[in-house]
Protein backbone atom coordinates (compact mmCIF):
# COMPACT_ATOMS: atom_id res chain seq x y z
CA MET A 1 149.31 161.18 71.32
CA LYS A 2 147.34 160.65 68.10
CA ASP A 3 146.92 156.96 67.35
CA ILE A 4 144.84 155.33 64.65
CA VAL A 5 143.68 151.79 65.38
CA VAL A 6 141.90 149.59 62.86
CA ILE A 7 139.68 147.32 64.93
CA ASN A 8 138.10 144.08 63.75
CA GLY A 9 136.36 140.99 65.04
CA SER A 10 133.32 138.95 64.21
CA GLY A 11 129.89 140.38 64.95
CA GLY A 12 128.98 140.42 68.62
CA VAL A 13 132.44 139.90 70.12
CA GLY A 14 132.50 143.24 71.95
CA LYS A 15 134.33 145.68 69.67
CA ASP A 16 132.05 148.61 70.47
CA THR A 17 132.06 147.74 74.17
CA PHE A 18 135.87 147.72 74.11
CA VAL A 19 135.95 151.13 72.41
CA GLU A 20 133.46 152.52 74.96
CA LEU A 21 135.67 151.24 77.78
CA CYS A 22 138.73 152.88 76.20
CA LYS A 23 136.85 156.20 76.39
CA GLU A 24 137.26 156.02 80.17
CA TYR A 25 141.03 156.44 79.72
CA THR A 26 141.44 158.65 76.64
CA LYS A 27 139.53 160.77 74.15
CA VAL A 28 138.25 158.53 71.34
CA MET A 29 136.83 158.96 67.86
CA ASN A 30 135.00 155.83 66.71
CA ILE A 31 133.99 155.26 63.07
CA SER A 32 133.23 152.36 60.78
CA SER A 33 134.09 151.84 57.15
CA VAL A 34 130.39 151.05 56.65
CA ASP A 35 128.97 154.23 58.20
CA LYS A 36 128.08 155.69 54.80
CA VAL A 37 127.17 152.24 53.47
CA LYS A 38 124.57 151.98 56.23
CA GLU A 39 123.12 155.34 55.22
CA ALA A 40 122.93 154.17 51.60
CA ALA A 41 121.33 150.87 52.63
CA HIS A 42 118.66 152.74 54.53
CA ILE A 43 117.92 155.04 51.59
CA LEU A 44 118.10 152.39 48.86
CA THR A 45 116.49 149.41 50.56
CA GLY A 46 114.74 150.65 53.67
CA TRP A 47 117.24 148.75 55.84
CA ASN A 48 116.36 149.55 59.46
CA GLY A 49 119.61 148.82 61.26
CA GLU A 50 119.11 145.12 61.84
CA LYS A 51 122.21 143.02 62.37
CA ASP A 52 120.90 139.71 61.05
CA GLU A 53 122.64 137.56 58.42
CA LYS A 54 120.65 139.04 55.51
CA SER A 55 121.50 142.59 56.61
CA ARG A 56 125.18 141.79 57.09
CA LYS A 57 125.32 140.43 53.54
CA LEU A 58 123.53 143.51 52.21
CA LEU A 59 126.06 145.83 53.85
CA SER A 60 129.00 143.71 52.72
CA ASP A 61 127.78 143.67 49.12
CA LEU A 62 127.03 147.41 49.08
CA LYS A 63 130.45 148.20 50.52
CA GLU A 64 132.13 146.04 47.89
CA MET A 65 130.27 147.94 45.16
CA GLY A 66 131.40 151.25 46.67
CA ILE A 67 135.00 150.05 46.76
CA GLN A 68 134.88 148.90 43.15
CA TYR A 69 133.10 151.99 41.83
CA ASN A 70 135.10 154.82 43.42
CA ASP A 71 136.61 153.58 46.69
CA ALA A 72 133.97 155.58 48.60
CA PRO A 73 134.45 153.76 51.94
CA PHE A 74 138.17 154.61 51.94
CA GLN A 75 137.45 158.20 50.89
CA TYR A 76 135.13 158.50 53.90
CA ILE A 77 137.82 157.11 56.20
CA THR A 78 140.39 159.52 54.75
CA ASN A 79 138.08 162.47 55.42
CA MET A 80 137.46 161.30 58.97
CA VAL A 81 141.20 160.85 59.60
CA GLU A 82 141.70 164.48 58.57
CA GLU A 83 138.99 165.52 61.06
CA PHE A 84 140.62 163.37 63.73
CA LYS A 85 143.99 165.05 63.20
CA LYS A 86 142.39 168.45 63.90
CA SER A 87 140.33 167.22 66.86
CA GLU A 88 141.00 166.84 70.57
CA GLU A 89 140.60 163.06 70.36
CA GLU A 90 143.74 161.04 70.99
CA VAL A 91 142.76 157.64 69.59
CA MET A 92 140.75 156.92 66.46
CA PHE A 93 139.18 153.49 66.09
CA ILE A 94 138.24 152.50 62.54
CA HIS A 95 136.11 149.37 62.21
CA ILE A 96 137.04 147.44 59.07
CA ARG A 97 136.39 143.79 58.18
CA GLU A 98 138.20 143.16 54.89
CA ALA A 99 141.95 142.35 54.98
CA LYS A 100 142.75 144.42 51.86
CA GLU A 101 141.01 147.46 53.33
CA ILE A 102 142.73 146.97 56.69
CA GLU A 103 146.12 146.82 54.97
CA LYS A 104 145.34 149.97 52.96
CA CYS A 105 144.56 151.91 56.16
CA LYS A 106 147.56 150.48 57.97
CA LYS A 107 149.90 151.67 55.23
CA THR A 108 148.21 154.99 54.41
CA PHE A 109 147.68 156.20 57.97
CA ASP A 110 150.41 154.27 59.81
CA ALA A 111 147.60 152.60 61.73
CA MET A 112 147.84 149.80 64.25
CA THR A 113 145.53 146.81 63.95
CA LEU A 114 143.52 145.18 66.70
CA LEU A 115 141.51 141.96 66.69
CA ILE A 116 138.84 141.33 69.32
CA THR A 117 137.70 137.74 69.78
CA ASN A 118 135.26 135.98 72.06
CA LYS A 119 135.22 132.18 72.14
CA ASN A 120 131.61 132.32 73.37
CA VAL A 121 130.36 133.99 70.16
CA VAL A 122 129.78 132.01 66.97
CA ALA A 123 131.63 133.69 64.10
CA VAL A 124 129.55 135.13 61.26
CA THR A 125 130.54 133.50 57.97
CA THR A 126 127.60 134.22 55.66
CA ASN A 127 129.31 137.02 53.71
CA HIS A 128 132.82 137.63 52.44
CA SER A 129 133.52 140.53 54.80
CA ASP A 130 132.74 138.62 57.99
CA LYS A 131 134.09 135.21 57.04
CA ASP A 132 137.66 136.45 56.50
CA VAL A 133 138.06 138.35 59.80
CA LEU A 134 140.85 136.07 61.01
CA ASP A 135 142.78 136.26 57.70
CA PHE A 136 145.08 139.07 58.79
CA ASN A 137 148.17 139.36 60.96
CA TYR A 138 147.01 141.88 63.60
CA ASP A 139 149.34 143.94 65.76
CA TYR A 140 147.23 143.38 68.89
CA HIS A 141 144.72 140.74 69.98
CA ILE A 142 142.26 141.13 72.83
CA GLU A 143 140.36 138.07 74.02
CA ASN A 144 136.97 139.12 75.36
CA ASP A 145 136.04 135.83 77.01
CA GLY A 146 135.64 137.05 80.56
CA THR A 147 133.78 139.63 82.60
CA ILE A 148 133.18 143.26 81.74
CA GLU A 149 135.61 144.17 84.53
CA GLU A 150 138.31 142.07 82.84
CA LEU A 151 137.60 143.75 79.50
CA LYS A 152 137.78 147.15 81.19
CA GLU A 153 141.22 146.27 82.52
CA LYS A 154 142.30 145.18 79.02
CA ALA A 155 141.03 148.49 77.62
CA LYS A 156 143.03 150.38 80.25
CA ASP A 157 146.16 148.35 79.46
CA PHE A 158 145.68 148.89 75.73
CA VAL A 159 145.39 152.67 76.12
CA ASN A 160 148.43 152.70 78.40
CA GLN A 161 150.39 150.78 75.74
CA LEU A 162 149.42 153.39 73.17
CA LYS A 163 150.53 156.19 75.46
CA GLY A 164 153.85 154.42 75.98
């Protein structure tokens, strides 16, 4: 099994926690379309990894510039997909916010899409990447409104669905 899953959800809803829980049931590669953007933000602006509104906007704007200039975020994803295909990992999660970028990965890599939501978390809407999270028709939707044990069970079920 080699599955590529584009994962999305507003900041703080539990996407990384979900991926970590999936690791209990399968071998996982976990990347983000902003991995290289974060490196650039650190070098260019001294960004220190904060996840506040100002930082989220910075990363969103830098990513948009990279897309417009030479599609660098997608090139990074493409390189990582090639590594994934040669690896022992069975599921690759790619974190992407923007609907156009999600669709590009879905078509190019035959990826599935997954939305994580949590009704207890206020959605981030201060930048174009975060505010449009719900503007896509996802293949799967996980509601992370309960306990960690419930989310673990949802992760197990999700991996079992992938395995068929």
